[in-house]
Structure formats: structure tokens, C-alpha cells
Amino acid sequence: MRPIPEIPVTDRAVLADPFTAYAQARELSPVARLTGAGMPPMFAITRHEEGKAALSDPRFALSESSFLRPPGIPEHCQRYLHTMAEMDGPEHTRVRGAAAPAFTARRTAAMRPAVEAIVERLLDTLGTEADLLHEFAGPLPMEIICELLGIPEVDRPRWREYGAAVAAGFGPGFIAAIPAIMASAEAAVAASRTEPNAGILSRLLDGPLTETELVTLVWHLVLAGQTPTNLIANGVAALFSHPEQLASLRADPDLAPRAVEELMRWCGPQLLTTPRFAAEDIDLGGAVIPAGAAMTVAIASANRDPRAYPDPDRLDITRPLGAPGHLGFSHGPHFCLGAPLARLQTEIALTALLRRFPTLSPARPETVRAPDPGTWRLAELPVLLTS
């Protein structure tokens, strides 16, 4: 039996550079054991082929233990927490199938003018020096979600506060915001019945989703829709540290779709997938994940697996699309439903930013990252802007 390496994910050195820690483990075994202060032990699949297969393997199943239910969430909010991300089997198929028509590539493409207008409006508010994370990348996803849901402009200031609370990470501010988010989600669903609009809720009203499931979908969008915040910030920081890639994208904006995919592969915000549990002993290349054990796919490791990508640690925005696909948006039944919209936001944000500010540069040489073993994210991104 192959020995399984251990990665102390809350160790300061691992938090600062998870890619090196995962790479060392990946070359020893397709499976590593994750340990850390305040977290239960968990197995992590470190390689691309095995990780991709596991995300479609029914022997790895979600359970109540896959999702943390922190104290302090009111009872009346609990029924909305069971999103499609927490479902498997027929329940997941039914809910996802009902919601999917609102997130097709065609509908996403139709949102391009609205996304472009929101991006330009946010860029208009920036001064000559700004924190790009908190002043641009942070507010953007919630603006898009409001547009997607058909939230009236008068109600959007409080939705912007919800987005900031979620993007700030799991903590007291996030927990405190949940009741207000749920109340606003209920109001949005009710308003879509009495005053139909172009938002997705009005289109979904005649479908099979219940009232509770519609409110839950809104909560899911608020929760999962913040990915572009950290992807845009990580992407800009990566381009700063790779000036030749920055110059290539600035010179040829048509590279943006490839750049978004490569940035998601190279510095995507999610380091780990949602934990699943082995229904039986599962052998992965001689490393056994025992029955009942928690398993996650180490996205940060799989996306830099040299078995899948030539020169995987090199950022290359000309890397061909689709061969092989990264796992930044997961894979299989739980592939991110909003991935096309996240890609669109990031593409438009990066190209507009570079077009509007041709001498965009970091305000400080070093970057400050949030110490988070599950998410690769910046604490701030101060930049200098000139038009």
C-alpha cells in the first residue's frame, strides 16, 4: 500500500504557498491527508485525472457533515440553506434541471451589454489610487446578481452590503447578514410574482420549483456568485507578477477568454472542493481512502498536475482552451451552473480595466493574502490608476 503524505493546511508556510506544498505531496501520491488546527482530518486527491474521476464517482457522496452549520442562524432561515450544492441524486437533478435554463450560454451572452455597463460604471468611481479588491472586484458580482434577479435599483444598496459580507469570508459578519439576505430573497421572489420583470425569478415562477426552492436559489446565487471577486483580484495580481503576460493581454484583448481560463487554472480562488464521504474503501493508485472518510479534491494541485498540463507552473494566457479542462469550476453533476457568467464578468472586467488604465500598476510591491486554507484570496489589492 502506498504511503500517504500529510499536508498541514493551516501551517503558515502552507497558507503562504499551498501550490508548493501540494506539488510535493502530489509527486509522492495521488492522495494526501490534510490536517490543521480546528479542522477534522480529511483526504485530498492531488492529481487531475483521479480528481476529475472522483467528482463524478457516486461512491463519494455528500452528507450533513459536508457543510458547516454554524450556531446563530435563526430557525426560520434554516430551510433555505439546503441548496443544490448540498444535493445528490434525483433531488439534485430535479432542482438543477429546473434552474439551468436561466443560465444557458445564450442567456449569459445576452447579459454582456448589462455587464459591460456595470463594469464601466464601477471603473468610473475609481480615483488615481484604489483598492481594486474592495472598490471594484468586490462590488461587481453582486451588481451582476441584482441585474440577473431583477432587483430594483432602490433596493440594491443593501444587496451590495450582502455581497461584501459574503466576499469577506466565513465569519461573524457573514453569519449576521444571513437573516437579512433571506428576508430580501423572500421579498424578491414575492415581488417577481406581483411585478414581473426581466429577471430570472419571473422566468422560473411557472416552473417546478417551490417557493422555498426559489428563495434558496437566490441564497445560492448570493453565496456562490462571489467567485469573480477573488478571481479578478488574483488575476490582476498574477498579471502584475508576469509582466510579459500582462503586455500580451493588453496588446491583444481577444486573448481574454483564454486568459480567464488560464487564470482560473493557475490562481483560481477555490483550493478545495466540498468534502464528500467514501461509501466504501476506495483505492486510488495504491492509496486507499477508507470507507466513511472525508475526501476533497485539491483543485490547486490538480490544476497544476504535470500529468495533465505541460509546464503547469507557468502562467500562459495563450494556453489552448479546453485541453484538458481545469477543475476550477468543479466537474461532473456539480459543475458550477454559473460558470459562464463568472467567465463573462472576469473577461469584461479585465479587458475594460486594461483599456481604461493603460499604466495600471501595483501600489505596493508585495501582496497581502488572507490566511484561508480553503480559498486563495487577497486581503487587499492597492493599485495606481491613470487613464
Protein backbone atom coordinates (compact mmCIF):
# COMPACT_ATOMS: atom_id res chain seq x y z
CA MET A 1 0.00 0.00 0.00
CA ARG A 2 1.33 3.43 -0.96
CA PRO A 3 2.23 5.73 1.97
CA ILE A 4 0.04 8.84 2.18
CA PRO A 5 1.80 12.20 2.72
CA GLU A 6 0.41 14.78 5.13
CA ILE A 7 -0.20 18.47 4.46
CA PRO A 8 -0.73 20.76 7.49
CA VAL A 9 -3.01 23.21 5.69
CA THR A 10 -3.12 25.79 8.50
CA ASP A 11 0.67 25.94 8.78
CA ARG A 12 1.94 29.42 7.98
CA ALA A 13 4.21 28.23 5.17
CA VAL A 14 1.41 26.23 3.53
CA LEU A 15 -1.02 29.14 3.77
CA ALA A 16 1.56 31.37 2.10
CA ASP A 17 2.31 28.88 -0.70
CA PRO A 18 -0.15 25.98 -0.95
CA PHE A 19 0.95 25.19 -4.51
CA THR A 20 4.41 24.04 -3.44
CA ALA A 21 3.06 22.00 -0.54
CA TYR A 22 0.51 20.26 -2.76
CA ALA A 23 3.07 19.68 -5.52
CA GLN A 24 5.43 17.91 -3.15
CA ALA A 25 2.60 15.66 -1.94
CA ARG A 26 1.28 15.10 -5.47
CA GLU A 27 4.57 13.62 -6.65
CA LEU A 28 4.53 11.14 -3.79
CA SER A 29 0.92 10.01 -4.03
CA PRO A 30 -2.43 10.73 -5.73
CA VAL A 31 -3.86 11.14 -2.23
CA ALA A 32 -2.70 13.29 0.69
CA ARG A 33 -4.01 13.67 4.22
CA LEU A 34 -4.96 17.23 5.20
CA THR A 35 -4.61 18.26 8.83
CA GLY A 36 -4.90 21.58 10.57
CA ALA A 37 -5.92 23.41 13.69
CA GLY A 38 -9.69 23.37 14.21
CA MET A 39 -10.50 21.02 11.33
CA PRO A 40 -11.15 17.28 11.18
CA PRO A 41 -8.67 15.15 9.19
CA MET A 42 -9.53 14.80 5.52
CA PHE A 43 -8.10 13.05 2.48
CA ALA A 44 -7.31 15.14 -0.60
CA ILE A 45 -6.94 13.87 -4.16
CA THR A 46 -3.92 15.66 -5.58
CA ARG A 47 -3.88 14.67 -9.26
CA HIS A 48 -6.01 15.81 -12.18
CA GLU A 49 -7.20 12.51 -13.65
CA GLU A 50 -8.07 10.99 -10.28
CA GLY A 51 -9.68 14.22 -9.05
CA LYS A 52 -11.82 14.62 -12.15
CA ALA A 53 -12.98 11.00 -11.87
CA ALA A 54 -13.80 11.36 -8.17
CA LEU A 55 -16.08 14.33 -8.82
CA SER A 56 -18.31 12.05 -10.89
CA ASP A 57 -17.92 8.94 -8.71
CA PRO A 58 -21.15 8.07 -6.81
CA ARG A 59 -19.06 6.22 -4.21
CA PHE A 60 -18.11 9.66 -2.89
CA ALA A 61 -21.30 11.19 -1.52
CA LEU A 62 -22.35 14.37 0.23
CA SER A 63 -23.61 14.17 3.80
CA GLU A 64 -24.75 16.57 6.51
CA SER A 65 -21.12 16.74 7.60
CA SER A 66 -20.10 18.15 4.20
CA PHE A 67 -21.48 21.55 5.15
CA LEU A 68 -20.87 23.50 8.31
CA ARG A 69 -23.96 24.77 10.11
CA PRO A 70 -22.62 27.41 12.48
CA PRO A 71 -24.60 28.42 15.55
CA GLY A 72 -26.54 31.64 15.48
CA ILE A 73 -28.54 31.16 12.27
CA PRO A 74 -32.25 31.65 13.09
CA GLU A 75 -34.53 28.65 12.72
CA HIS A 76 -36.68 30.30 10.04
CA CYS A 77 -33.57 30.64 7.82
CA GLN A 78 -32.54 27.00 8.10
CA ARG A 79 -34.93 25.77 5.40
CA TYR A 80 -33.19 27.94 2.81
CA LEU A 81 -29.67 26.64 3.49
CA HIS A 82 -30.17 23.34 1.64
CA THR A 83 -29.03 24.49 -1.81
CA MET A 84 -28.46 22.33 -4.88
CA ALA A 85 -24.78 22.23 -3.89
CA GLU A 86 -25.87 20.07 -0.94
CA MET A 87 -27.99 17.70 -3.02
CA ASP A 88 -27.18 14.44 -4.77
CA GLY A 89 -29.14 12.08 -6.98
CA PRO A 90 -32.70 12.73 -8.17
CA GLU A 91 -33.23 15.74 -5.88
CA HIS A 92 -30.18 17.48 -7.34
CA THR A 93 -31.14 16.55 -10.90
CA ARG A 94 -34.65 17.97 -10.47
CA VAL A 95 -33.62 21.30 -8.91
CA ARG A 96 -30.65 21.85 -11.19
CA GLY A 97 -32.71 20.95 -14.25
CA ALA A 98 -35.36 23.48 -13.27
CA ALA A 99 -32.81 26.28 -12.75
CA ALA A 100 -30.48 25.50 -15.66
CA PRO A 101 -32.50 27.25 -18.44
CA ALA A 102 -31.83 30.58 -16.71
CA PHE A 103 -28.06 30.05 -17.00
CA THR A 104 -27.58 28.90 -20.58
CA ALA A 105 -24.76 30.23 -22.73
CA ARG A 106 -27.31 32.16 -24.81
CA ARG A 107 -28.85 33.89 -21.81
CA THR A 108 -25.40 34.64 -20.43
CA ALA A 109 -24.30 36.16 -23.74
CA ALA A 110 -27.42 38.33 -23.72
CA MET A 111 -26.21 39.84 -20.44
CA ARG A 112 -22.97 41.14 -21.97
CA PRO A 113 -24.22 44.73 -22.55
CA ALA A 114 -25.50 44.94 -18.96
CA VAL A 115 -22.25 43.55 -17.55
CA GLU A 116 -20.21 45.96 -19.67
CA ALA A 117 -22.27 48.91 -18.41
CA ILE A 118 -21.86 47.85 -14.77
CA VAL A 119 -18.11 47.38 -15.18
CA GLU A 120 -17.71 50.82 -16.77
CA ARG A 121 -19.80 52.43 -14.03
CA LEU A 122 -17.68 50.87 -11.30
CA LEU A 123 -14.46 51.92 -13.04
CA ASP A 124 -15.78 55.48 -13.26
CA THR A 125 -15.81 55.64 -9.45
CA LEU A 126 -12.10 54.83 -9.02
CA GLY A 127 -9.57 57.51 -8.22
CA THR A 128 -5.90 57.60 -9.16
CA GLU A 129 -5.16 55.13 -6.36
CA ALA A 130 -7.63 52.46 -5.34
CA ASP A 131 -8.05 49.14 -3.61
CA LEU A 132 -9.12 47.13 -6.63
CA LEU A 133 -10.41 44.27 -4.49
CA HIS A 134 -12.79 46.27 -2.32
CA GLU A 135 -13.69 49.05 -4.76
CA PHE A 136 -14.09 47.11 -8.00
CA ALA A 137 -13.76 43.30 -7.93
CA GLY A 138 -15.72 43.05 -4.68
CA PRO A 139 -18.84 45.02 -5.66
CA LEU A 140 -19.03 43.66 -9.21
CA PRO A 141 -20.60 40.20 -8.67
CA MET A 142 -23.44 41.50 -6.53
CA GLU A 143 -24.22 44.16 -9.12
CA ILE A 144 -24.48 41.36 -11.69
CA ILE A 145 -26.61 39.21 -9.37
CA CYS A 146 -29.01 42.12 -8.84
CA GLU A 147 -29.27 42.51 -12.61
CA LEU A 148 -29.80 38.77 -13.01
CA LEU A 149 -32.54 38.66 -10.36
CA GLY A 150 -34.24 41.89 -11.46
CA ILE A 151 -33.66 43.67 -8.13
CA PRO A 152 -34.92 47.29 -8.34
CA GLU A 153 -32.23 49.96 -8.12
CA VAL A 154 -33.72 51.35 -4.90
CA ASP A 155 -33.10 48.02 -3.16
CA ARG A 156 -29.59 47.43 -4.43
CA PRO A 157 -27.59 49.27 -1.72
CA ARG A 158 -28.47 46.64 0.87
CA TRP A 159 -27.72 43.83 -1.60
CA ARG A 160 -24.28 45.37 -2.08
CA GLU A 161 -23.80 45.07 1.67
CA TYR A 162 -24.74 41.39 1.48
CA GLY A 163 -22.16 40.81 -1.23
CA ALA A 164 -19.46 42.48 0.85
CA ALA A 165 -20.35 40.32 3.86
CA VAL A 166 -20.16 37.10 1.84
CA ALA A 167 -16.98 38.04 -0.02
CA ALA A 168 -15.25 38.85 3.28
CA GLY A 169 -15.29 35.16 4.15
CA PHE A 170 -16.90 32.95 6.71
CA GLY A 171 -17.08 34.87 9.98
CA PRO A 172 -19.34 36.88 12.32
CA GLY A 173 -20.23 39.45 9.67
CA PHE A 174 -21.28 36.74 7.26
CA ILE A 175 -23.43 34.95 9.87
CA ALA A 176 -25.04 38.21 10.98
CA ALA A 177 -26.02 39.03 7.38
CA ILE A 178 -27.87 35.75 6.72
CA PRO A 179 -31.31 36.72 8.14
CA ALA A 180 -31.37 39.95 6.12
CA ILE A 181 -30.26 38.13 2.96
CA MET A 182 -33.02 35.55 3.40
CA ALA A 183 -35.64 38.25 4.05
CA SER A 184 -34.57 40.12 0.90
CA ALA A 185 -34.63 36.88 -1.08
CA GLU A 186 -38.20 36.21 0.08
CA ALA A 187 -39.17 39.75 -0.90
CA ALA A 188 -37.54 39.36 -4.31
CA VAL A 189 -39.49 36.18 -5.04
CA ALA A 190 -42.74 37.79 -3.89
CA ALA A 191 -42.10 40.90 -5.99
CA SER A 192 -41.42 38.79 -9.07
CA ARG A 193 -44.98 37.45 -8.74
CA THR A 194 -46.71 40.79 -8.33
CA GLU A 195 -44.44 42.83 -10.62
CA PRO A 196 -42.86 40.53 -13.22
CA ASN A 197 -39.61 41.76 -14.76
CA ALA A 198 -36.78 40.53 -16.96
CA GLY A 199 -35.00 38.80 -14.06
CA ILE A 200 -34.65 35.04 -13.85
CA LEU A 201 -37.12 34.74 -10.96
CA SER A 202 -40.01 35.86 -13.15
CA ARG A 203 -38.99 33.27 -15.74
CA LEU A 204 -38.80 30.50 -13.16
CA LEU A 205 -42.15 31.14 -11.48
CA ASP A 206 -44.09 28.81 -13.75
CA GLY A 207 -41.57 26.01 -13.36
CA PRO A 208 -41.45 23.13 -10.87
CA LEU A 209 -39.53 24.93 -8.12
CA THR A 210 -41.41 25.60 -4.89
CA GLU A 211 -41.43 28.96 -3.13
CA THR A 212 -38.82 27.69 -0.68
CA GLU A 213 -36.65 26.42 -3.53
CA LEU A 214 -36.84 29.78 -5.33
CA VAL A 215 -35.72 31.63 -2.20
CA THR A 216 -32.99 29.03 -1.71
CA LEU A 217 -31.82 29.63 -5.30
CA VAL A 218 -31.43 33.33 -4.55
CA TRP A 219 -29.40 32.48 -1.44
CA HIS A 220 -27.27 30.11 -3.51
CA LEU A 221 -26.58 32.83 -6.07
CA VAL A 222 -25.51 35.26 -3.36
CA LEU A 223 -23.31 32.62 -1.76
CA ALA A 224 -21.73 31.05 -4.84
CA GLY A 225 -21.80 34.10 -7.10
CA GLN A 226 -18.87 35.84 -5.43
CA THR A 227 -16.22 33.79 -7.26
CA PRO A 228 -15.35 36.60 -9.72
CA THR A 229 -14.35 38.84 -6.80
CA ASN A 230 -11.32 36.76 -5.93
CA LEU A 231 -10.69 35.52 -9.46
CA ILE A 232 -10.39 39.07 -10.80
CA ALA A 233 -8.18 40.17 -7.91
CA ASN A 234 -5.98 37.08 -8.14
CA GLY A 235 -5.81 37.50 -11.90
CA VAL A 236 -4.67 41.12 -11.77
CA ALA A 237 -2.04 40.27 -9.15
CA ALA A 238 -0.82 37.36 -11.31
CA LEU A 239 -0.55 39.59 -14.36
CA PHE A 240 1.41 42.15 -12.34
CA SER A 241 3.91 39.43 -11.41
CA HIS A 242 4.10 38.25 -15.03
CA PRO A 243 4.54 41.50 -17.00
CA GLU A 244 5.01 39.69 -20.32
CA GLN A 245 1.56 38.11 -19.92
CA LEU A 246 0.09 41.47 -18.94
CA ALA A 247 1.63 43.04 -22.05
CA SER A 248 0.25 40.26 -24.26
CA LEU A 249 -3.29 40.68 -22.95
CA ARG A 250 -3.09 44.46 -23.20
CA ALA A 251 -1.89 44.19 -26.81
CA ASP A 252 -4.48 41.58 -27.80
CA PRO A 253 -7.78 41.76 -25.88
CA ASP A 254 -9.04 38.82 -27.95
CA LEU A 255 -6.87 36.65 -25.70
CA ALA A 256 -9.24 37.41 -22.81
CA PRO A 257 -11.24 34.13 -22.94
CA ARG A 258 -8.02 32.11 -22.85
CA ALA A 259 -6.63 34.37 -20.15
CA VAL A 260 -9.68 33.82 -17.94
CA GLU A 261 -9.35 30.02 -18.25
CA GLU A 262 -5.63 30.10 -17.57
CA LEU A 263 -6.02 32.39 -14.57
CA MET A 264 -8.75 30.12 -13.19
CA ARG A 265 -6.38 27.18 -13.62
CA TRP A 266 -3.29 28.91 -12.29
CA CYS A 267 -4.67 31.05 -9.44
CA GLY A 268 -8.38 30.27 -9.11
CA PRO A 269 -9.80 31.10 -5.69
CA GLN A 270 -11.08 27.66 -4.65
CA LEU A 271 -8.30 25.46 -3.30
CA LEU A 272 -10.53 22.54 -2.29
CA THR A 273 -13.88 21.09 -3.32
CA THR A 274 -16.75 20.46 -0.93
CA PRO A 275 -15.97 17.39 1.23
CA ARG A 276 -17.58 14.11 0.30
CA PHE A 277 -17.52 10.79 2.11
CA ALA A 278 -16.37 7.40 0.84
CA ALA A 279 -19.14 4.79 0.80
CA GLU A 280 -16.50 2.01 0.76
CA ASP A 281 -12.74 1.58 0.74
CA ILE A 282 -11.60 3.24 -2.50
CA ASP A 283 -8.18 2.53 -3.97
CA LEU A 284 -6.60 5.36 -5.96
CA GLY A 285 -3.31 4.21 -7.43
CA GLY A 286 -2.41 2.23 -4.34
CA ALA A 287 -3.53 4.90 -1.87
CA VAL A 288 -6.70 3.87 -0.10
CA ILE A 289 -9.38 6.26 1.13
CA PRO A 290 -11.20 4.19 3.77
CA ALA A 291 -14.97 3.83 4.00
CA GLY A 292 -16.57 6.73 5.87
CA ALA A 293 -13.58 9.04 5.43
CA ALA A 294 -13.95 12.61 4.20
CA MET A 295 -12.49 13.36 0.76
CA THR A 296 -11.87 16.59 -1.12
CA VAL A 297 -10.23 17.27 -4.46
CA ALA A 298 -7.29 19.64 -4.12
CA ILE A 299 -8.14 21.90 -7.06
CA ALA A 300 -4.94 23.89 -6.61
CA SER A 301 -2.95 20.68 -7.01
CA ALA A 302 -4.96 19.03 -9.80
CA ASN A 303 -4.86 22.21 -11.87
CA ARG A 304 -1.05 22.17 -11.78
CA ASP A 305 -0.57 18.46 -12.34
CA PRO A 306 2.26 17.91 -14.87
CA ARG A 307 0.48 14.74 -15.97
CA ALA A 308 -2.29 16.95 -17.36
CA TYR A 309 -0.52 20.18 -18.35
CA PRO A 310 2.87 20.83 -19.92
CA ASP A 311 4.92 23.18 -17.77
CA PRO A 312 1.98 23.53 -15.35
CA ASP A 313 3.52 26.11 -13.02
CA ARG A 314 4.00 28.57 -15.89
CA LEU A 315 1.24 31.15 -16.39
CA ASP A 316 0.49 31.17 -20.11
CA ILE A 317 -2.57 33.06 -21.31
CA THR A 318 -2.12 31.58 -24.80
CA ARG A 319 -2.56 28.04 -23.47
CA PRO A 320 -5.12 26.27 -25.71
CA LEU A 321 -8.68 26.23 -24.44
CA GLY A 322 -10.27 23.01 -23.32
CA ALA A 323 -7.35 20.57 -23.32
CA PRO A 324 -7.63 19.44 -20.64
CA GLY A 325 -10.27 21.37 -18.78
CA HIS A 326 -9.33 22.72 -15.36
CA LEU A 327 -11.30 21.88 -12.23
CA GLY A 328 -11.72 25.45 -11.04
CA PHE A 329 -15.49 25.25 -11.52
CA SER A 330 -15.57 21.61 -10.32
CA HIS A 331 -16.68 18.79 -12.63
CA GLY A 332 -19.49 16.33 -13.12
CA PRO A 333 -23.02 16.78 -11.77
CA HIS A 334 -21.92 19.67 -9.55
CA PHE A 335 -20.07 21.63 -12.23
CA CYS A 336 -20.76 25.30 -11.44
CA LEU A 337 -24.05 26.32 -13.04
CA GLY A 338 -22.95 29.96 -13.07
CA ALA A 339 -19.55 29.32 -14.67
CA PRO A 340 -20.44 31.07 -17.97
CA LEU A 341 -21.49 34.19 -16.09
CA ALA A 342 -18.37 34.14 -13.90
CA ARG A 343 -16.23 33.84 -17.02
CA LEU A 344 -18.08 36.69 -18.72
CA GLN A 345 -17.68 39.01 -15.75
CA THR A 346 -13.98 38.28 -15.42
CA GLU A 347 -13.31 38.68 -19.14
CA ILE A 348 -15.10 42.02 -19.35
CA ALA A 349 -13.58 43.29 -16.10
CA LEU A 350 -10.00 42.52 -17.13
CA THR A 351 -10.27 43.90 -20.65
CA ALA A 352 -12.02 47.10 -19.54
CA LEU A 353 -9.54 47.63 -16.73
CA LEU A 354 -6.54 47.35 -19.05
CA ARG A 355 -8.19 49.50 -21.73
CA ARG A 356 -9.22 52.26 -19.32
CA PHE A 357 -5.95 52.34 -17.40
CA PRO A 358 -3.01 51.60 -19.74
CA THR A 359 -0.42 52.18 -16.98
CA LEU A 360 -2.22 50.17 -14.30
CA SER A 361 0.36 49.07 -11.74
CA PRO A 362 0.56 47.80 -8.15
CA ALA A 363 0.76 50.48 -5.47
CA ARG A 364 2.99 48.24 -3.35
CA PRO A 365 5.49 45.55 -4.37
CA GLU A 366 4.13 42.91 -2.01
CA THR A 367 0.68 41.31 -1.90
CA VAL A 368 -1.19 40.58 1.33
CA ARG A 369 -3.25 37.38 1.33
CA ALA A 370 -5.98 36.29 3.70
CA PRO A 371 -4.88 33.22 5.72
CA ASP A 372 -7.50 30.81 4.40
CA PRO A 373 -6.75 27.09 3.80
CA GLY A 374 -9.79 26.70 1.55
CA THR A 375 -9.65 29.86 -0.56
CA TRP A 376 -6.73 31.55 -2.33
CA ARG A 377 -7.62 35.21 -1.91
CA LEU A 378 -6.11 38.61 -1.32
CA ALA A 379 -6.82 40.77 1.69
CA GLU A 380 -6.40 43.89 -0.47
CA LEU A 381 -5.16 44.95 -3.89
CA PRO A 382 -3.94 48.56 -3.90
CA VAL A 383 -3.21 49.84 -7.40
CA LEU A 384 -2.21 53.03 -9.17
CA LEU A 385 -4.54 54.11 -11.96
CA THR A 386 -4.10 56.61 -14.77
CA SER A 387 -6.19 56.85 -17.91
